[in-house]
Amino acid sequence: MIVVVGVDDTVRSAVAARKAYRLAALLGGEVHAVHVLHVPTALLAVLAGVPSGAAEFAGSQRSAVWASVGPVLEAGGVRVTRVELEGYPADTLVEYASSVGAGIIVVGSRGRGELASLVLGSTSHRVVNQATCDVLIAKGD
């Protein structure tokens, strides 16, 4: 069974990655850790002066994500595939899971907070409503 987990640089993402890893280990499956760079968010960060360019921002974002969840995914014993995509996170995650025939998608809850959820929408909520496979929303360890 393929377990797809959406990852970013939040604490909830590491919790989701840990749960996805444990689930794959129990089921004899594999994990596909998917980071989706949300381009509008990246552009807002660039406009706010976070780094000087979109490519630099994307690189630093990816580095932060893998530094955060990498140790969770490197325990050994479970095959892990790291995937980097661009797009709207919820839709891209669901599309990817469907394309690989995932049995379950694991996402964290409320990683970006109330204001970001209001402006950008809740990734976990949208994944639950659009996925054709099961979805696990990881709230805590």
N, C-alpha and C. Protein backbone atom coordinates (compact mmCIF):
# COMPACT_ATOMS: atom_id res chain seq x y z
N MET A 1 0.84 -1.18 0.00
CA MET A 1 0.00 0.00 0.00
C MET A 1 0.88 1.24 0.00
N ILE A 2 0.49 2.21 -0.81
CA ILE A 2 1.20 3.49 -0.82
C ILE A 2 0.48 4.44 0.12
N VAL A 3 1.26 5.01 1.04
CA VAL A 3 0.78 6.01 1.96
C VAL A 3 1.37 7.34 1.52
N VAL A 4 0.51 8.26 1.09
CA VAL A 4 0.96 9.59 0.67
C VAL A 4 0.80 10.52 1.85
N VAL A 5 1.85 11.27 2.17
CA VAL A 5 1.78 12.24 3.25
C VAL A 5 2.17 13.61 2.72
N GLY A 6 1.33 14.59 3.01
CA GLY A 6 1.64 15.96 2.64
C GLY A 6 2.56 16.56 3.69
N VAL A 7 3.68 17.14 3.25
CA VAL A 7 4.65 17.69 4.20
C VAL A 7 4.95 19.15 3.89
N ASP A 8 5.16 19.90 4.97
CA ASP A 8 5.66 21.27 4.88
C ASP A 8 6.58 21.47 6.06
N ASP A 9 6.85 22.71 6.43
CA ASP A 9 7.83 22.96 7.49
C ASP A 9 7.20 23.20 8.86
N THR A 10 5.97 22.72 9.06
CA THR A 10 5.30 22.92 10.34
C THR A 10 5.47 21.71 11.26
N VAL A 11 5.21 21.91 12.53
CA VAL A 11 5.27 20.83 13.52
C VAL A 11 4.23 19.76 13.18
N ARG A 12 3.04 20.17 12.76
CA ARG A 12 1.98 19.21 12.42
C ARG A 12 2.39 18.32 11.25
N SER A 13 3.22 18.84 10.37
CA SER A 13 3.69 18.06 9.24
C SER A 13 4.58 16.91 9.71
N ALA A 14 5.45 17.18 10.67
CA ALA A 14 6.31 16.13 11.22
C ALA A 14 5.46 15.06 11.91
N VAL A 15 4.39 15.48 12.57
CA VAL A 15 3.47 14.54 13.20
C VAL A 15 2.82 13.67 12.13
N ALA A 16 2.36 14.29 11.05
CA ALA A 16 1.74 13.55 9.95
C ALA A 16 2.73 12.58 9.32
N ALA A 17 3.98 13.03 9.12
CA ALA A 17 5.00 12.16 8.53
C ALA A 17 5.26 10.95 9.43
N ARG A 18 5.32 11.18 10.73
CA ARG A 18 5.55 10.09 11.69
C ARG A 18 4.40 9.07 11.62
N LYS A 19 3.17 9.56 11.57
CA LYS A 19 2.01 8.66 11.50
C LYS A 19 1.99 7.89 10.18
N ALA A 20 2.32 8.57 9.09
CA ALA A 20 2.35 7.92 7.78
C ALA A 20 3.40 6.81 7.77
N TYR A 21 4.56 7.10 8.35
CA TYR A 21 5.64 6.12 8.41
C TYR A 21 5.22 4.90 9.22
N ARG A 22 4.62 5.14 10.38
CA ARG A 22 4.17 4.02 11.23
C ARG A 22 3.11 3.19 10.53
N LEU A 23 2.18 3.85 9.85
CA LEU A 23 1.12 3.16 9.14
C LEU A 23 1.70 2.29 8.02
N ALA A 24 2.64 2.85 7.26
CA ALA A 24 3.27 2.08 6.19
C ALA A 24 4.03 0.89 6.75
N ALA A 25 4.70 1.08 7.87
CA ALA A 25 5.43 -0.02 8.50
C ALA A 25 4.48 -1.13 8.94
N LEU A 26 3.35 -0.76 9.52
CA LEU A 26 2.37 -1.76 9.96
C LEU A 26 1.76 -2.53 8.80
N LEU A 27 1.57 -1.86 7.68
CA LEU A 27 0.89 -2.46 6.53
C LEU A 27 1.85 -3.04 5.50
N GLY A 28 3.15 -2.92 5.76
CA GLY A 28 4.13 -3.39 4.78
C GLY A 28 4.11 -2.56 3.51
N GLY A 29 3.82 -1.29 3.66
CA GLY A 29 3.72 -0.40 2.51
C GLY A 29 4.91 0.52 2.37
N GLU A 30 4.70 1.58 1.63
CA GLU A 30 5.73 2.58 1.41
C GLU A 30 5.13 3.96 1.56
N VAL A 31 5.99 4.95 1.81
CA VAL A 31 5.57 6.32 2.00
C VAL A 31 6.03 7.17 0.83
N HIS A 32 5.12 8.00 0.35
CA HIS A 32 5.47 9.03 -0.61
C HIS A 32 5.25 10.35 0.12
N ALA A 33 6.34 11.01 0.48
CA ALA A 33 6.28 12.30 1.18
C ALA A 33 6.24 13.39 0.12
N VAL A 34 5.14 14.12 0.08
CA VAL A 34 4.90 15.09 -0.99
C VAL A 34 4.90 16.51 -0.43
N HIS A 35 5.84 17.31 -0.93
CA HIS A 35 5.86 18.74 -0.59
C HIS A 35 5.38 19.50 -1.82
N VAL A 36 4.35 20.33 -1.62
CA VAL A 36 3.81 21.13 -2.71
C VAL A 36 4.11 22.59 -2.43
N LEU A 37 4.91 23.18 -3.30
CA LEU A 37 5.20 24.61 -3.18
C LEU A 37 4.01 25.36 -3.76
N HIS A 38 3.37 26.15 -2.92
CA HIS A 38 2.22 26.94 -3.34
C HIS A 38 2.75 28.26 -3.90
N VAL A 39 2.72 28.38 -5.20
CA VAL A 39 3.35 29.51 -5.88
C VAL A 39 2.82 30.86 -5.40
N PRO A 40 1.50 31.09 -5.25
CA PRO A 40 1.06 32.39 -4.74
C PRO A 40 1.64 32.72 -3.37
N THR A 41 1.76 31.74 -2.50
CA THR A 41 2.36 31.97 -1.19
C THR A 41 3.83 32.36 -1.35
N ALA A 42 4.51 31.69 -2.25
CA ALA A 42 5.91 32.01 -2.51
C ALA A 42 6.06 33.43 -3.03
N LEU A 43 5.17 33.84 -3.91
CA LEU A 43 5.24 35.19 -4.46
C LEU A 43 4.97 36.24 -3.38
N LEU A 44 4.02 35.97 -2.50
CA LEU A 44 3.75 36.89 -1.40
C LEU A 44 4.97 37.04 -0.50
N ALA A 45 5.65 35.95 -0.25
CA ALA A 45 6.85 36.00 0.59
C ALA A 45 7.94 36.83 -0.09
N VAL A 46 8.08 36.67 -1.39
CA VAL A 46 9.09 37.44 -2.12
C VAL A 46 8.73 38.93 -2.07
N LEU A 47 7.46 39.25 -2.29
CA LEU A 47 7.04 40.65 -2.24
C LEU A 47 7.25 41.26 -0.86
N ALA A 48 7.11 40.43 0.17
CA ALA A 48 7.31 40.92 1.54
C ALA A 48 8.80 41.01 1.88
N GLY A 49 9.65 40.61 0.95
CA GLY A 49 11.09 40.74 1.16
C GLY A 49 11.72 39.59 1.91
N VAL A 50 11.06 38.42 1.93
CA VAL A 50 11.63 37.29 2.66
C VAL A 50 12.99 36.93 2.08
N PRO A 51 13.13 36.37 0.89
CA PRO A 51 14.41 36.36 0.21
C PRO A 51 14.29 37.19 -1.06
N SER A 52 15.34 37.31 -1.81
CA SER A 52 15.34 38.22 -2.94
C SER A 52 14.71 37.66 -4.21
N GLY A 53 14.46 36.38 -4.30
CA GLY A 53 13.89 35.85 -5.52
C GLY A 53 13.08 34.59 -5.28
N ALA A 54 12.20 34.30 -6.24
CA ALA A 54 11.33 33.14 -6.10
C ALA A 54 12.11 31.83 -6.04
N ALA A 55 13.15 31.71 -6.85
CA ALA A 55 13.94 30.47 -6.85
C ALA A 55 14.64 30.28 -5.51
N GLU A 56 15.16 31.38 -4.97
CA GLU A 56 15.82 31.31 -3.67
C GLU A 56 14.82 30.92 -2.58
N PHE A 57 13.62 31.50 -2.66
CA PHE A 57 12.58 31.17 -1.68
C PHE A 57 12.20 29.70 -1.79
N ALA A 58 11.99 29.22 -3.01
CA ALA A 58 11.60 27.82 -3.20
C ALA A 58 12.67 26.88 -2.64
N GLY A 59 13.93 27.20 -2.90
CA GLY A 59 15.02 26.37 -2.39
C GLY A 59 15.08 26.37 -0.88
N SER A 60 14.92 27.54 -0.28
CA SER A 60 14.97 27.60 1.19
C SER A 60 13.76 26.91 1.80
N GLN A 61 12.60 27.02 1.15
CA GLN A 61 11.39 26.34 1.63
C GLN A 61 11.58 24.82 1.60
N ARG A 62 12.08 24.32 0.48
CA ARG A 62 12.30 22.87 0.35
C ARG A 62 13.31 22.38 1.39
N SER A 63 14.37 23.14 1.58
CA SER A 63 15.38 22.76 2.57
C SER A 63 14.77 22.69 3.97
N ALA A 64 13.95 23.67 4.30
CA ALA A 64 13.30 23.69 5.62
C ALA A 64 12.37 22.50 5.80
N VAL A 65 11.64 22.17 4.75
CA VAL A 65 10.70 21.03 4.81
C VAL A 65 11.45 19.74 5.06
N TRP A 66 12.46 19.45 4.26
CA TRP A 66 13.18 18.18 4.39
C TRP A 66 14.00 18.12 5.67
N ALA A 67 14.46 19.27 6.15
CA ALA A 67 15.16 19.29 7.44
C ALA A 67 14.21 18.95 8.58
N SER A 68 12.96 19.38 8.43
CA SER A 68 11.95 19.15 9.46
C SER A 68 11.46 17.70 9.47
N VAL A 69 11.11 17.17 8.31
CA VAL A 69 10.52 15.82 8.26
C VAL A 69 11.51 14.73 7.89
N GLY A 70 12.66 15.09 7.36
CA GLY A 70 13.65 14.09 6.95
C GLY A 70 14.01 13.09 8.02
N PRO A 71 14.35 13.54 9.22
CA PRO A 71 14.71 12.58 10.27
C PRO A 71 13.59 11.59 10.61
N VAL A 72 12.35 12.04 10.51
CA VAL A 72 11.21 11.16 10.78
C VAL A 72 11.12 10.06 9.73
N LEU A 73 11.48 10.40 8.50
CA LEU A 73 11.33 9.48 7.38
C LEU A 73 12.54 8.59 7.14
N GLU A 74 13.59 8.77 7.93
CA GLU A 74 14.83 8.04 7.69
C GLU A 74 15.12 6.98 8.74
N ALA A 75 14.09 6.48 9.39
CA ALA A 75 14.29 5.49 10.45
C ALA A 75 14.74 4.13 9.89
N GLY A 76 14.46 3.90 8.62
CA GLY A 76 14.84 2.63 8.00
C GLY A 76 13.72 1.61 8.09
N GLY A 77 13.68 0.71 7.15
CA GLY A 77 12.68 -0.34 7.16
C GLY A 77 11.47 -0.07 6.29
N VAL A 78 11.23 1.18 5.93
CA VAL A 78 10.11 1.55 5.07
C VAL A 78 10.67 2.34 3.89
N ARG A 79 10.25 1.96 2.70
CA ARG A 79 10.68 2.69 1.50
C ARG A 79 10.00 4.06 1.49
N VAL A 80 10.80 5.11 1.32
CA VAL A 80 10.29 6.48 1.30
C VAL A 80 10.71 7.15 0.00
N THR A 81 9.74 7.75 -0.66
CA THR A 81 9.99 8.53 -1.87
C THR A 81 9.67 9.98 -1.58
N ARG A 82 10.62 10.86 -1.82
CA ARG A 82 10.38 12.30 -1.64
C ARG A 82 9.92 12.88 -2.96
N VAL A 83 8.85 13.65 -2.90
CA VAL A 83 8.26 14.23 -4.11
C VAL A 83 8.10 15.73 -3.91
N GLU A 84 8.56 16.52 -4.89
CA GLU A 84 8.41 17.97 -4.84
C GLU A 84 7.59 18.41 -6.04
N LEU A 85 6.49 19.10 -5.75
CA LEU A 85 5.58 19.56 -6.80
C LEU A 85 5.24 21.03 -6.58
N GLU A 86 4.61 21.64 -7.57
CA GLU A 86 4.13 23.01 -7.43
C GLU A 86 2.65 23.04 -7.74
N GLY A 87 1.93 23.91 -7.06
CA GLY A 87 0.50 24.06 -7.30
C GLY A 87 -0.24 24.39 -6.02
N TYR A 88 -1.54 24.24 -6.06
CA TYR A 88 -2.35 24.43 -4.87
C TYR A 88 -2.22 23.15 -4.04
N PRO A 89 -1.73 23.22 -2.81
CA PRO A 89 -1.37 22.02 -2.06
C PRO A 89 -2.44 20.93 -2.00
N ALA A 90 -3.65 21.27 -1.63
CA ALA A 90 -4.68 20.23 -1.48
C ALA A 90 -4.96 19.53 -2.79
N ASP A 91 -5.20 20.30 -3.84
CA ASP A 91 -5.54 19.71 -5.14
C ASP A 91 -4.37 18.89 -5.69
N THR A 92 -3.17 19.42 -5.57
CA THR A 92 -1.99 18.73 -6.09
C THR A 92 -1.74 17.44 -5.32
N LEU A 93 -1.93 17.47 -4.02
CA LEU A 93 -1.75 16.27 -3.19
C LEU A 93 -2.76 15.18 -3.58
N VAL A 94 -4.01 15.56 -3.75
CA VAL A 94 -5.06 14.60 -4.14
C VAL A 94 -4.77 14.04 -5.53
N GLU A 95 -4.38 14.90 -6.46
CA GLU A 95 -4.06 14.43 -7.82
C GLU A 95 -2.89 13.45 -7.80
N TYR A 96 -1.86 13.78 -7.03
CA TYR A 96 -0.70 12.89 -6.95
C TYR A 96 -1.10 11.54 -6.36
N ALA A 97 -1.84 11.57 -5.25
CA ALA A 97 -2.26 10.32 -4.61
C ALA A 97 -3.06 9.45 -5.57
N SER A 98 -3.93 10.06 -6.32
CA SER A 98 -4.72 9.32 -7.30
C SER A 98 -3.83 8.73 -8.39
N SER A 99 -2.84 9.50 -8.84
CA SER A 99 -1.98 9.04 -9.93
C SER A 99 -1.11 7.84 -9.55
N VAL A 100 -0.79 7.70 -8.26
CA VAL A 100 0.05 6.57 -7.83
C VAL A 100 -0.78 5.46 -7.18
N GLY A 101 -2.08 5.62 -7.13
CA GLY A 101 -2.94 4.59 -6.55
C GLY A 101 -2.79 4.46 -5.05
N ALA A 102 -2.63 5.59 -4.37
CA ALA A 102 -2.44 5.57 -2.91
C ALA A 102 -3.66 4.98 -2.21
N GLY A 103 -3.40 4.27 -1.12
CA GLY A 103 -4.48 3.72 -0.31
C GLY A 103 -4.97 4.69 0.74
N ILE A 104 -4.12 5.65 1.10
CA ILE A 104 -4.47 6.63 2.12
C ILE A 104 -3.58 7.86 1.96
N ILE A 105 -4.17 9.01 2.31
CA ILE A 105 -3.42 10.26 2.37
C ILE A 105 -3.39 10.69 3.83
N VAL A 106 -2.22 11.10 4.31
CA VAL A 106 -2.08 11.60 5.68
C VAL A 106 -1.69 13.07 5.59
N VAL A 107 -2.43 13.91 6.32
CA VAL A 107 -2.12 15.34 6.39
C VAL A 107 -2.21 15.80 7.83
N GLY A 108 -1.51 16.86 8.14
CA GLY A 108 -1.61 17.48 9.45
C GLY A 108 -2.82 18.40 9.49
N SER A 109 -3.18 18.83 10.68
CA SER A 109 -4.31 19.74 10.81
C SER A 109 -3.83 21.12 11.23
N ARG A 110 -4.38 22.12 10.63
CA ARG A 110 -4.14 23.52 11.02
C ARG A 110 -2.68 23.91 11.13
N GLY A 111 -1.89 23.53 10.14
CA GLY A 111 -0.47 23.85 10.19
C GLY A 111 -0.16 25.33 10.08
N ARG A 112 -0.95 26.07 9.36
CA ARG A 112 -0.65 27.47 9.11
C ARG A 112 -1.47 28.43 9.95
N GLY A 113 -2.42 27.94 10.72
CA GLY A 113 -3.18 28.82 11.61
C GLY A 113 -4.46 29.34 11.00
N GLU A 114 -5.23 30.04 11.82
CA GLU A 114 -6.55 30.51 11.45
C GLU A 114 -6.54 31.51 10.29
N LEU A 115 -5.66 32.51 10.36
CA LEU A 115 -5.65 33.54 9.32
C LEU A 115 -5.28 32.95 7.97
N ALA A 116 -4.25 32.14 7.92
CA ALA A 116 -3.85 31.52 6.65
C ALA A 116 -4.95 30.60 6.13
N SER A 117 -5.63 29.89 7.02
CA SER A 117 -6.73 29.02 6.58
C SER A 117 -7.87 29.84 6.00
N LEU A 118 -8.12 31.00 6.59
CA LEU A 118 -9.17 31.87 6.08
C LEU A 118 -8.83 32.38 4.69
N VAL A 119 -7.59 32.81 4.51
CA VAL A 119 -7.16 33.38 3.24
C VAL A 119 -6.92 32.30 2.18
N LEU A 120 -6.21 31.25 2.56
CA LEU A 120 -5.79 30.23 1.60
C LEU A 120 -6.69 29.00 1.59
N GLY A 121 -7.48 28.81 2.63
CA GLY A 121 -8.31 27.62 2.74
C GLY A 121 -7.60 26.54 3.53
N SER A 122 -8.35 25.63 4.08
CA SER A 122 -7.78 24.55 4.87
C SER A 122 -7.41 23.38 3.96
N THR A 123 -6.13 23.07 3.93
CA THR A 123 -5.66 21.96 3.09
C THR A 123 -6.31 20.65 3.51
N SER A 124 -6.31 20.37 4.82
CA SER A 124 -6.86 19.09 5.28
C SER A 124 -8.35 18.97 4.94
N HIS A 125 -9.09 20.05 5.09
CA HIS A 125 -10.52 20.02 4.78
C HIS A 125 -10.76 19.73 3.30
N ARG A 126 -10.00 20.39 2.45
CA ARG A 126 -10.16 20.19 1.01
C ARG A 126 -9.72 18.78 0.59
N VAL A 127 -8.64 18.27 1.18
CA VAL A 127 -8.19 16.91 0.86
C VAL A 127 -9.28 15.90 1.23
N VAL A 128 -9.85 16.03 2.42
CA VAL A 128 -10.91 15.11 2.86
C VAL A 128 -12.06 15.11 1.86
N ASN A 129 -12.44 16.29 1.39
CA ASN A 129 -13.59 16.40 0.49
C ASN A 129 -13.32 16.00 -0.94
N GLN A 130 -12.05 15.97 -1.37
CA GLN A 130 -11.76 15.65 -2.76
C GLN A 130 -11.11 14.30 -2.99
N ALA A 131 -10.50 13.74 -1.98
CA ALA A 131 -9.78 12.47 -2.16
C ALA A 131 -10.73 11.32 -2.44
N THR A 132 -10.26 10.40 -3.28
CA THR A 132 -11.04 9.20 -3.54
C THR A 132 -10.59 8.03 -2.68
N CYS A 133 -9.51 8.23 -1.92
CA CYS A 133 -9.03 7.21 -0.99
C CYS A 133 -9.27 7.70 0.44
N ASP A 134 -8.93 6.88 1.40
CA ASP A 134 -9.07 7.28 2.80
C ASP A 134 -8.10 8.42 3.12
N VAL A 135 -8.47 9.21 4.13
CA VAL A 135 -7.64 10.33 4.57
C VAL A 135 -7.52 10.27 6.09
N LEU A 136 -6.29 10.43 6.59
CA LEU A 136 -6.04 10.51 8.03
C LEU A 136 -5.54 11.91 8.32
N ILE A 137 -6.22 12.60 9.23
CA ILE A 137 -5.78 13.92 9.64
C ILE A 137 -5.07 13.76 10.99
N ALA A 138 -3.77 14.03 10.97
CA ALA A 138 -2.94 13.84 12.18
C ALA A 138 -2.99 15.09 13.03
N LYS A 139 -3.47 14.93 14.27
CA LYS A 139 -3.59 16.07 15.16
C LYS A 139 -2.53 16.07 16.25
N GLY A 140 -2.01 14.94 16.58
CA GLY A 140 -1.00 14.87 17.63
C GLY A 140 -0.29 13.53 17.58
N ASP A 141 0.80 13.47 18.31
CA ASP A 141 1.61 12.25 18.31
C ASP A 141 0.90 11.23 19.12
